[in-house]
Full PDB file with SEQRES, HELIX, SHEET, SSBOND, CRYST1, ORIGX, SCALE, CONECT and MASTER records, all heavy atoms in Angstrom:
SEQRES   1 A   38  ILE SER ALA ILE HIS GLY SER GLY THR GLY GLU LEU LEU          
SEQRES   2 A   38  ASP GLU LEU ILE LYS HIS ILE PRO GLN VAL THR ASP VAL          
SEQRES   3 A   38  PRO GLU THR ASN GLU ILE LYS VAL ALA ILE ILE GLY              
HELIX    1 AA1 THR A    9  LEU A   16  1                                   8    
HELIX    2 AA2 ILE A   17  HIS A   19  5                                   3    
CRYST1    1.000    1.000    1.000  90.00  90.00  90.00 P 1           1          
ORIGX1      1.000000  0.000000  0.000000        0.00000                         
ORIGX2      0.000000  1.000000  0.000000        0.00000                         
ORIGX3      0.000000  0.000000  1.000000        0.00000                         
SCALE1      1.000000  0.000000  0.000000        0.00000                         
SCALE2      0.000000  1.000000  0.000000        0.00000                         
SCALE3      0.000000  0.000000  1.000000        0.00000                         
ATOM      1  N   ILE A   1      70.176 -24.768  64.013  1.00  0.00           N  
ATOM      2  CA  ILE A   1      70.831 -26.059  63.782  1.00  0.00           C  
ATOM      3  C   ILE A   1      69.916 -26.966  62.990  1.00  0.00           C  
ATOM      4  O   ILE A   1      68.696 -26.749  62.860  1.00  0.00           O  
ATOM      5  CB  ILE A   1      71.220 -26.805  65.093  1.00  0.00           C  
ATOM      6  CG1 ILE A   1      69.948 -27.271  65.844  1.00  0.00           C  
ATOM      7  CG2 ILE A   1      72.088 -25.945  65.964  1.00  0.00           C  
ATOM      8  CD1 ILE A   1      70.195 -28.235  66.970  1.00  0.00           C  
ATOM      9  N   SER A   2      70.525 -28.015  62.392  1.00  0.00           N  
ATOM     10  CA  SER A   2      69.777 -29.135  61.823  1.00  0.00           C  
ATOM     11  C   SER A   2      70.309 -30.381  62.485  1.00  0.00           C  
ATOM     12  O   SER A   2      71.418 -30.845  62.160  1.00  0.00           O  
ATOM     13  CB  SER A   2      69.932 -29.190  60.327  1.00  0.00           C  
ATOM     14  OG  SER A   2      69.370 -30.407  59.832  1.00  0.00           O  
ATOM     15  N   ALA A   3      69.556 -30.897  63.463  1.00  0.00           N  
ATOM     16  CA  ALA A   3      70.007 -32.116  64.176  1.00  0.00           C  
ATOM     17  C   ALA A   3      70.143 -33.288  63.241  1.00  0.00           C  
ATOM     18  O   ALA A   3      71.028 -34.115  63.357  1.00  0.00           O  
ATOM     19  CB  ALA A   3      69.071 -32.453  65.297  1.00  0.00           C  
ATOM     20  N   ILE A   4      69.290 -33.385  62.241  1.00  0.00           N  
ATOM     21  CA  ILE A   4      69.319 -34.529  61.343  1.00  0.00           C  
ATOM     22  C   ILE A   4      70.499 -34.476  60.385  1.00  0.00           C  
ATOM     23  O   ILE A   4      71.043 -35.527  59.986  1.00  0.00           O  
ATOM     24  CB  ILE A   4      67.976 -34.600  60.568  1.00  0.00           C  
ATOM     25  CG1 ILE A   4      67.835 -36.014  59.919  1.00  0.00           C  
ATOM     26  CG2 ILE A   4      67.875 -33.567  59.494  1.00  0.00           C  
ATOM     27  CD1 ILE A   4      66.441 -36.302  59.421  1.00  0.00           C  
ATOM     28  N   HIS A   5      70.944 -33.283  60.011  1.00  0.00           N  
ATOM     29  CA  HIS A   5      72.114 -33.137  59.119  1.00  0.00           C  
ATOM     30  C   HIS A   5      73.400 -32.741  59.848  1.00  0.00           C  
ATOM     31  O   HIS A   5      74.480 -32.881  59.277  1.00  0.00           O  
ATOM     32  CB  HIS A   5      71.803 -32.107  58.011  1.00  0.00           C  
ATOM     33  CG  HIS A   5      70.667 -32.506  57.123  1.00  0.00           C  
ATOM     34  ND1 HIS A   5      69.578 -31.694  56.836  1.00  0.00           N  
ATOM     35  CD2 HIS A   5      70.461 -33.646  56.407  1.00  0.00           C  
ATOM     36  CE1 HIS A   5      68.756 -32.334  56.002  1.00  0.00           C  
ATOM     37  NE2 HIS A   5      69.265 -33.505  55.739  1.00  0.00           N  
ATOM     38  N   GLY A   6      73.278 -32.219  61.031  1.00  0.00           N  
ATOM     39  CA  GLY A   6      74.435 -31.824  61.793  1.00  0.00           C  
ATOM     40  C   GLY A   6      74.894 -30.391  61.618  1.00  0.00           C  
ATOM     41  O   GLY A   6      75.781 -29.934  62.345  1.00  0.00           O  
ATOM     42  N   SER A   7      74.277 -29.669  60.699  1.00  0.00           N  
ATOM     43  CA  SER A   7      74.713 -28.245  60.473  1.00  0.00           C  
ATOM     44  C   SER A   7      74.398 -27.394  61.669  1.00  0.00           C  
ATOM     45  O   SER A   7      73.319 -27.546  62.313  1.00  0.00           O  
ATOM     46  CB  SER A   7      74.038 -27.696  59.220  1.00  0.00           C  
ATOM     47  OG  SER A   7      72.636 -27.729  59.342  1.00  0.00           O  
ATOM     48  N   GLY A   8      75.330 -26.529  62.043  1.00  0.00           N  
ATOM     49  CA  GLY A   8      75.138 -25.616  63.140  1.00  0.00           C  
ATOM     50  C   GLY A   8      75.417 -26.192  64.506  1.00  0.00           C  
ATOM     51  O   GLY A   8      75.545 -25.450  65.503  1.00  0.00           O  
ATOM     52  N   THR A   9      75.595 -27.495  64.628  1.00  0.00           N  
ATOM     53  CA  THR A   9      75.821 -28.089  65.947  1.00  0.00           C  
ATOM     54  C   THR A   9      77.229 -27.766  66.479  1.00  0.00           C  
ATOM     55  O   THR A   9      77.417 -27.744  67.698  1.00  0.00           O  
ATOM     56  CB  THR A   9      75.613 -29.632  65.885  1.00  0.00           C  
ATOM     57  OG1 THR A   9      76.473 -30.163  64.880  1.00  0.00           O  
ATOM     58  CG2 THR A   9      74.173 -29.990  65.614  1.00  0.00           C  
ATOM     59  N   GLY A  10      78.158 -27.551  65.579  1.00  0.00           N  
ATOM     60  CA  GLY A  10      79.538 -27.216  66.003  1.00  0.00           C  
ATOM     61  C   GLY A  10      79.560 -25.898  66.790  1.00  0.00           C  
ATOM     62  O   GLY A  10      80.180 -25.813  67.828  1.00  0.00           O  
ATOM     63  N   GLU A  11      78.844 -24.886  66.260  1.00  0.00           N  
ATOM     64  CA  GLU A  11      78.786 -23.590  66.927  1.00  0.00           C  
ATOM     65  C   GLU A  11      78.094 -23.722  68.310  1.00  0.00           C  
ATOM     66  O   GLU A  11      78.474 -23.111  69.299  1.00  0.00           O  
ATOM     67  CB  GLU A  11      78.034 -22.565  66.074  1.00  0.00           C  
ATOM     68  CG  GLU A  11      78.784 -22.120  64.821  1.00  0.00           C  
ATOM     69  CD  GLU A  11      78.695 -23.135  63.682  1.00  0.00           C  
ATOM     70  OE1 GLU A  11      78.023 -24.204  63.890  1.00  0.00           O  
ATOM     71  OE2 GLU A  11      79.227 -22.864  62.607  1.00  0.00           O  
ATOM     72  N   LEU A  12      77.045 -24.543  68.311  1.00  0.00           N  
ATOM     73  CA  LEU A  12      76.303 -24.778  69.576  1.00  0.00           C  
ATOM     74  C   LEU A  12      77.204 -25.433  70.603  1.00  0.00           C  
ATOM     75  O   LEU A  12      77.252 -25.027  71.763  1.00  0.00           O  
ATOM     76  CB  LEU A  12      75.100 -25.691  69.297  1.00  0.00           C  
ATOM     77  CG  LEU A  12      74.264 -26.123  70.497  1.00  0.00           C  
ATOM     78  CD1 LEU A  12      73.513 -24.888  71.080  1.00  0.00           C  
ATOM     79  CD2 LEU A  12      73.254 -27.198  70.101  1.00  0.00           C  
ATOM     80  N   LEU A  13      77.992 -26.429  70.175  1.00  0.00           N  
ATOM     81  CA  LEU A  13      78.856 -27.146  71.101  1.00  0.00           C  
ATOM     82  C   LEU A  13      80.041 -26.262  71.556  1.00  0.00           C  
ATOM     83  O   LEU A  13      80.502 -26.420  72.702  1.00  0.00           O  
ATOM     84  CB  LEU A  13      79.386 -28.442  70.471  1.00  0.00           C  
ATOM     85  CG  LEU A  13      78.338 -29.538  70.306  1.00  0.00           C  
ATOM     86  CD1 LEU A  13      78.835 -30.644  69.404  1.00  0.00           C  
ATOM     87  CD2 LEU A  13      77.959 -30.117  71.672  1.00  0.00           C  
ATOM     88  N   ASP A  14      80.532 -25.415  70.670  1.00  0.00           N  
ATOM     89  CA  ASP A  14      81.606 -24.487  71.066  1.00  0.00           C  
ATOM     90  C   ASP A  14      81.167 -23.632  72.243  1.00  0.00           C  
ATOM     91  O   ASP A  14      81.967 -23.352  73.161  1.00  0.00           O  
ATOM     92  CB  ASP A  14      81.996 -23.590  69.899  1.00  0.00           C  
ATOM     93  CG  ASP A  14      82.840 -24.316  68.840  1.00  0.00           C  
ATOM     94  OD1 ASP A  14      83.390 -25.389  69.187  1.00  0.00           O  
ATOM     95  OD2 ASP A  14      82.887 -23.869  67.710  1.00  0.00           O  
ATOM     96  N   GLU A  15      79.906 -23.211  72.213  1.00  0.00           N  
ATOM     97  CA  GLU A  15      79.409 -22.396  73.326  1.00  0.00           C  
ATOM     98  C   GLU A  15      79.085 -23.299  74.542  1.00  0.00           C  
ATOM     99  O   GLU A  15      79.305 -22.851  75.664  1.00  0.00           O  
ATOM    100  CB  GLU A  15      78.118 -21.672  72.871  1.00  0.00           C  
ATOM    101  CG  GLU A  15      77.503 -20.790  73.926  1.00  0.00           C  
ATOM    102  CD  GLU A  15      78.414 -19.614  74.341  1.00  0.00           C  
ATOM    103  OE1 GLU A  15      79.250 -19.198  73.501  1.00  0.00           O  
ATOM    104  OE2 GLU A  15      78.296 -19.135  75.464  1.00  0.00           O  
ATOM    105  N   LEU A  16      78.599 -24.486  74.312  1.00  0.00           N  
ATOM    106  CA  LEU A  16      78.241 -25.390  75.388  1.00  0.00           C  
ATOM    107  C   LEU A  16      79.426 -25.713  76.289  1.00  0.00           C  
ATOM    108  O   LEU A  16      79.308 -25.690  77.512  1.00  0.00           O  
ATOM    109  CB  LEU A  16      77.635 -26.706  74.843  1.00  0.00           C  
ATOM    110  CG  LEU A  16      77.337 -27.795  75.871  1.00  0.00           C  
ATOM    111  CD1 LEU A  16      76.127 -27.354  76.744  1.00  0.00           C  
ATOM    112  CD2 LEU A  16      76.998 -29.098  75.191  1.00  0.00           C  
ATOM    113  N   ILE A  17      80.593 -26.029  75.715  1.00  0.00           N  
ATOM    114  CA  ILE A  17      81.719 -26.501  76.526  1.00  0.00           C  
ATOM    115  C   ILE A  17      82.327 -25.400  77.410  1.00  0.00           C  
ATOM    116  O   ILE A  17      83.047 -25.703  78.330  1.00  0.00           O  
ATOM    117  CB  ILE A  17      82.820 -27.128  75.660  1.00  0.00           C  
ATOM    118  CG1 ILE A  17      83.388 -26.089  74.674  1.00  0.00           C  
ATOM    119  CG2 ILE A  17      82.302 -28.346  74.914  1.00  0.00           C  
ATOM    120  CD1 ILE A  17      84.633 -26.633  73.903  1.00  0.00           C  
ATOM    121  N   LYS A  18      81.875 -24.163  77.200  1.00  0.00           N  
ATOM    122  CA  LYS A  18      82.267 -23.074  78.134  1.00  0.00           C  
ATOM    123  C   LYS A  18      81.676 -23.290  79.481  1.00  0.00           C  
ATOM    124  O   LYS A  18      82.149 -22.773  80.469  1.00  0.00           O  
ATOM    125  CB  LYS A  18      81.838 -21.719  77.556  1.00  0.00           C  
ATOM    126  CG  LYS A  18      82.545 -21.338  76.280  1.00  0.00           C  
ATOM    127  CD  LYS A  18      82.041 -19.970  75.760  1.00  0.00           C  
ATOM    128  CE  LYS A  18      82.727 -19.596  74.426  1.00  0.00           C  
ATOM    129  NZ  LYS A  18      82.147 -18.336  73.890  1.00  0.00           N  
ATOM    130  N   HIS A  19      80.562 -24.070  79.506  1.00  0.00           N  
ATOM    131  CA  HIS A  19      79.881 -24.314  80.776  1.00  0.00           C  
ATOM    132  C   HIS A  19      80.096 -25.710  81.314  1.00  0.00           C  
ATOM    133  O   HIS A  19      79.517 -26.085  82.335  1.00  0.00           O  
ATOM    134  CB  HIS A  19      78.362 -24.122  80.574  1.00  0.00           C  
ATOM    135  CG  HIS A  19      78.003 -22.794  79.959  1.00  0.00           C  
ATOM    136  ND1 HIS A  19      78.018 -21.601  80.659  1.00  0.00           N  
ATOM    137  CD2 HIS A  19      77.632 -22.468  78.677  1.00  0.00           C  
ATOM    138  CE1 HIS A  19      77.666 -20.615  79.848  1.00  0.00           C  
ATOM    139  NE2 HIS A  19      77.442 -21.106  78.671  1.00  0.00           N  
ATOM    140  N   ILE A  20      80.970 -26.521  80.619  1.00  0.00           N  
ATOM    141  CA  ILE A  20      81.205 -27.871  81.048  1.00  0.00           C  
ATOM    142  C   ILE A  20      82.585 -27.997  81.669  1.00  0.00           C  
ATOM    143  O   ILE A  20      83.606 -27.657  81.036  1.00  0.00           O  
ATOM    144  CB  ILE A  20      81.144 -28.813  79.786  1.00  0.00           C  
ATOM    145  CG1 ILE A  20      79.790 -28.753  79.116  1.00  0.00           C  
ATOM    146  CG2 ILE A  20      81.445 -30.285  80.191  1.00  0.00           C  
ATOM    147  CD1 ILE A  20      78.660 -29.186  79.966  1.00  0.00           C  
ATOM    148  N   PRO A  21      82.688 -28.458  82.905  1.00  0.00           N  
ATOM    149  CA  PRO A  21      83.982 -28.581  83.575  1.00  0.00           C  
ATOM    150  C   PRO A  21      84.793 -29.686  82.896  1.00  0.00           C  
ATOM    151  O   PRO A  21      84.196 -30.706  82.441  1.00  0.00           O  
ATOM    152  CB  PRO A  21      83.654 -28.949  85.009  1.00  0.00           C  
ATOM    153  CG  PRO A  21      82.267 -29.517  84.962  1.00  0.00           C  
ATOM    154  CD  PRO A  21      81.574 -28.794  83.821  1.00  0.00           C  
ATOM    155  N   GLN A  22      86.102 -29.530  82.870  1.00  0.00           N  
ATOM    156  CA  GLN A  22      86.971 -30.559  82.301  1.00  0.00           C  
ATOM    157  C   GLN A  22      87.212 -31.646  83.337  1.00  0.00           C  
ATOM    158  O   GLN A  22      87.546 -31.354  84.480  1.00  0.00           O  
ATOM    159  CB  GLN A  22      88.295 -29.990  81.824  1.00  0.00           C  
ATOM    160  CG  GLN A  22      89.154 -30.964  81.044  1.00  0.00           C  
ATOM    161  CD  GLN A  22      90.341 -30.272  80.402  1.00  0.00           C  
ATOM    162  OE1 GLN A  22      90.616 -29.088  80.685  1.00  0.00           O  
ATOM    163  NE2 GLN A  22      91.047 -30.957  79.518  1.00  0.00           N  
ATOM    164  N   VAL A  23      87.043 -32.899  82.946  1.00  0.00           N  
ATOM    165  CA  VAL A  23      87.192 -34.009  83.867  1.00  0.00           C  
ATOM    166  C   VAL A  23      88.397 -34.835  83.337  1.00  0.00           C  
ATOM    167  O   VAL A  23      88.413 -35.303  82.204  1.00  0.00           O  
ATOM    168  CB  VAL A  23      85.959 -34.872  83.910  1.00  0.00           C  
ATOM    169  CG1 VAL A  23      86.160 -36.086  84.829  1.00  0.00           C  
ATOM    170  CG2 VAL A  23      84.757 -34.057  84.394  1.00  0.00           C  
ATOM    171  N   THR A  24      89.376 -34.981  84.194  1.00  0.00           N  
ATOM    172  CA  THR A  24      90.608 -35.693  83.797  1.00  0.00           C  
ATOM    173  C   THR A  24      90.832 -36.962  84.583  1.00  0.00           C  
ATOM    174  O   THR A  24      91.701 -37.750  84.251  1.00  0.00           O  
ATOM    175  CB  THR A  24      91.839 -34.806  83.977  1.00  0.00           C  
ATOM    176  OG1 THR A  24      91.910 -34.389  85.331  1.00  0.00           O  
ATOM    177  CG2 THR A  24      91.762 -33.607  83.040  1.00  0.00           C  
ATOM    178  N   ASP A  25      90.025 -37.166  85.634  1.00  0.00           N  
ATOM    179  CA  ASP A  25      90.299 -38.332  86.489  1.00  0.00           C  
ATOM    180  C   ASP A  25      89.137 -39.295  86.546  1.00  0.00           C  
ATOM    181  O   ASP A  25      88.803 -39.859  87.608  1.00  0.00           O  
ATOM    182  CB  ASP A  25      90.626 -37.867  87.913  1.00  0.00           C  
ATOM    183  CG  ASP A  25      89.511 -37.031  88.509  1.00  0.00           C  
ATOM    184  OD1 ASP A  25      88.600 -36.660  87.793  1.00  0.00           O  
ATOM    185  OD2 ASP A  25      89.526 -36.805  89.736  1.00  0.00           O  
ATOM    186  N   VAL A  26      88.502 -39.531  85.393  1.00  0.00           N  
ATOM    187  CA  VAL A  26      87.422 -40.532  85.360  1.00  0.00           C  
ATOM    188  C   VAL A  26      88.043 -41.930  85.361  1.00  0.00           C  
ATOM    189  O   VAL A  26      88.765 -42.281  84.448  1.00  0.00           O  
ATOM    190  CB  VAL A  26      86.551 -40.350  84.091  1.00  0.00           C  
ATOM    191  CG1 VAL A  26      85.455 -41.423  84.033  1.00  0.00           C  
ATOM    192  CG2 VAL A  26      85.945 -38.970  84.058  1.00  0.00           C  
ATOM    193  N   PRO A  27      87.808 -42.689  86.392  1.00  0.00           N  
ATOM    194  CA  PRO A  27      88.440 -43.999  86.463  1.00  0.00           C  
ATOM    195  C   PRO A  27      87.848 -44.993  85.478  1.00  0.00           C  
ATOM    196  O   PRO A  27      86.648 -44.908  85.157  1.00  0.00           O  
ATOM    197  CB  PRO A  27      88.150 -44.475  87.924  1.00  0.00           C  
ATOM    198  CG  PRO A  27      86.879 -43.744  88.250  1.00  0.00           C  
ATOM    199  CD  PRO A  27      86.923 -42.438  87.528  1.00  0.00           C  
ATOM    200  N   GLU A  28      88.657 -45.896  84.959  1.00  0.00           N  
ATOM    201  CA  GLU A  28      88.182 -46.944  84.071  1.00  0.00           C  
ATOM    202  C   GLU A  28      87.427 -47.959  84.962  1.00  0.00           C  
ATOM    203  O   GLU A  28      87.889 -48.320  86.054  1.00  0.00           O  
ATOM    204  CB  GLU A  28      89.325 -47.632  83.356  1.00  0.00           C  
ATOM    205  CG  GLU A  28      89.966 -46.722  82.328  1.00  0.00           C  
ATOM    206  CD  GLU A  28      90.975 -47.472  81.452  1.00  0.00           C  
ATOM    207  OE1 GLU A  28      90.929 -48.746  81.494  1.00  0.00           O  
ATOM    208  OE2 GLU A  28      91.748 -46.834  80.761  1.00  0.00           O  
ATOM    209  N   THR A  29      86.286 -48.394  84.482  1.00  0.00           N  
ATOM    210  CA  THR A  29      85.460 -49.312  85.273  1.00  0.00           C  
ATOM    211  C   THR A  29      85.368 -50.648  84.563  1.00  0.00           C  
ATOM    212  O   THR A  29      85.203 -50.721  83.364  1.00  0.00           O  
ATOM    213  CB  THR A  29      84.049 -48.716  85.471  1.00  0.00           C  
ATOM    214  OG1 THR A  29      83.478 -48.489  84.182  1.00  0.00           O  
ATOM    215  CG2 THR A  29      84.084 -47.420  86.247  1.00  0.00           C  
ATOM    216  N   ASN A  30      85.430 -51.685  85.356  1.00  0.00           N  
ATOM    217  CA  ASN A  30      85.201 -53.027  84.860  1.00  0.00           C  
ATOM    218  C   ASN A  30      83.752 -53.352  85.111  1.00  0.00           C  
ATOM    219  O   ASN A  30      83.392 -54.092  86.038  1.00  0.00           O  
ATOM    220  CB  ASN A  30      86.132 -54.041  85.558  1.00  0.00           C  
ATOM    221  CG  ASN A  30      85.953 -55.417  85.024  1.00  0.00           C  
ATOM    222  OD1 ASN A  30      85.493 -55.600  83.891  1.00  0.00           O  
ATOM    223  ND2 ASN A  30      86.267 -56.397  85.854  1.00  0.00           N  
ATOM    224  N   GLU A  31      82.863 -52.795  84.305  1.00  0.00           N  
ATOM    225  CA  GLU A  31      81.445 -52.847  84.567  1.00  0.00           C  
ATOM    226  C   GLU A  31      80.852 -54.188  84.079  1.00  0.00           C  
ATOM    227  O   GLU A  31      81.352 -54.816  83.140  1.00  0.00           O  
ATOM    228  CB  GLU A  31      80.713 -51.663  83.902  1.00  0.00           C  
ATOM    229  CG  GLU A  31      80.758 -51.761  82.358  1.00  0.00           C  
ATOM    230  CD  GLU A  31      80.056 -50.549  81.725  1.00  0.00           C  
ATOM    231  OE1 GLU A  31      80.014 -49.464  82.342  1.00  0.00           O  
ATOM    232  OE2 GLU A  31      79.606 -50.693  80.591  1.00  0.00           O  
ATOM    233  N   ILE A  32      79.754 -54.556  84.711  1.00  0.00           N  
ATOM    234  CA  ILE A  32      78.975 -55.693  84.250  1.00  0.00           C  
ATOM    235  C   ILE A  32      77.678 -55.131  83.654  1.00  0.00           C  
ATOM    236  O   ILE A  32      76.939 -54.411  84.323  1.00  0.00           O  
ATOM    237  CB  ILE A  32      78.633 -56.644  85.437  1.00  0.00           C  
ATOM    238  CG1 ILE A  32      79.916 -57.213  86.042  1.00  0.00           C  
ATOM    239  CG2 ILE A  32      77.735 -57.778  84.966  1.00  0.00           C  
ATOM    240  CD1 ILE A  32      79.675 -58.095  87.263  1.00  0.00           C  
ATOM    241  N   LYS A  33      77.443 -55.449  82.422  1.00  0.00           N  
ATOM    242  CA  LYS A  33      76.241 -54.951  81.694  1.00  0.00           C  
ATOM    243  C   LYS A  33      75.078 -55.939  81.951  1.00  0.00           C  
ATOM    244  O   LYS A  33      75.197 -57.107  81.616  1.00  0.00           O  
ATOM    245  CB  LYS A  33      76.509 -54.768  80.218  1.00  0.00           C  
ATOM    246  CG  LYS A  33      77.532 -53.659  79.944  1.00  0.00           C  
ATOM    247  CD  LYS A  33      77.737 -53.451  78.460  1.00  0.00           C  
ATOM    248  CE  LYS A  33      78.525 -54.531  77.822  1.00  0.00           C  
ATOM    249  NZ  LYS A  33      79.964 -54.559  78.284  1.00  0.00           N  
ATOM    250  N   VAL A  34      73.990 -55.428  82.482  1.00  0.00           N  
ATOM    251  CA  VAL A  34      72.866 -56.266  82.894  1.00  0.00           C  
ATOM    252  C   VAL A  34      71.611 -55.761  82.183  1.00  0.00           C  
ATOM    253  O   VAL A  34      71.128 -54.651  82.472  1.00  0.00           O  
ATOM    254  CB  VAL A  34      72.655 -56.233  84.422  1.00  0.00           C  
ATOM    255  CG1 VAL A  34      71.517 -57.155  84.805  1.00  0.00           C  
ATOM    256  CG2 VAL A  34      73.943 -56.606  85.160  1.00  0.00           C  
ATOM    257  N   ALA A  35      71.050 -56.516  81.257  1.00  0.00           N  
ATOM    258  CA  ALA A  35      69.818 -56.159  80.563  1.00  0.00           C  
ATOM    259  C   ALA A  35      68.612 -56.725  81.296  1.00  0.00           C  
ATOM    260  O   ALA A  35      68.622 -57.936  81.704  1.00  0.00           O  
ATOM    261  CB  ALA A  35      69.876 -56.684  79.147  1.00  0.00           C  
ATOM    262  N   ILE A  36      67.586 -55.951  81.465  1.00  0.00           N  
ATOM    263  CA  ILE A  36      66.353 -56.386  82.133  1.00  0.00           C  
ATOM    264  C   ILE A  36      65.332 -56.591  81.036  1.00  0.00           C  
ATOM    265  O   ILE A  36      64.870 -55.655  80.371  1.00  0.00           O  
ATOM    266  CB  ILE A  36      65.865 -55.339  83.148  1.00  0.00           C  
ATOM    267  CG1 ILE A  36      66.970 -55.018  84.131  1.00  0.00           C  
ATOM    268  CG2 ILE A  36      64.633 -55.833  83.894  1.00  0.00           C  
ATOM    269  CD1 ILE A  36      66.662 -53.879  85.095  1.00  0.00           C  
ATOM    270  N   ILE A  37      64.936 -57.852  80.828  1.00  0.00           N  
ATOM    271  CA  ILE A  37      64.120 -58.260  79.659  1.00  0.00           C  
ATOM    272  C   ILE A  37      62.857 -58.949  80.154  1.00  0.00           C  
ATOM    273  O   ILE A  37      62.855 -59.636  81.181  1.00  0.00           O  
ATOM    274  CB  ILE A  37      64.926 -59.233  78.768  1.00  0.00           C  
ATOM    275  CG1 ILE A  37      66.214 -58.575  78.238  1.00  0.00           C  
ATOM    276  CG2 ILE A  37      64.084 -59.735  77.587  1.00  0.00           C  
ATOM    277  CD1 ILE A  37      65.948 -57.427  77.297  1.00  0.00           C  
ATOM    278  N   GLY A  38      61.748 -58.789  79.393  1.00  0.00           N  
ATOM    279  CA  GLY A  38      60.539 -59.500  79.755  1.00  0.00           C  
ATOM    280  C   GLY A  38      59.363 -58.992  78.941  1.00  0.00           C  
ATOM    281  O   GLY A  38      59.503 -58.049  78.160  1.00  0.00           O  
TER     282      GLY A  38                                                      
MASTER        0    0    0    2    0    0    0    6  281    1    0    3          
END                                                                             
């Protein structure tokens, strides 16, 4: 693959998703984004 150009990543991902379960019930969240700064 070339991560910087993207070549070959499609074939890698085609193989990857064989090991990734499909998720259909991810609830929408009303999240609060909190940045920790200092």
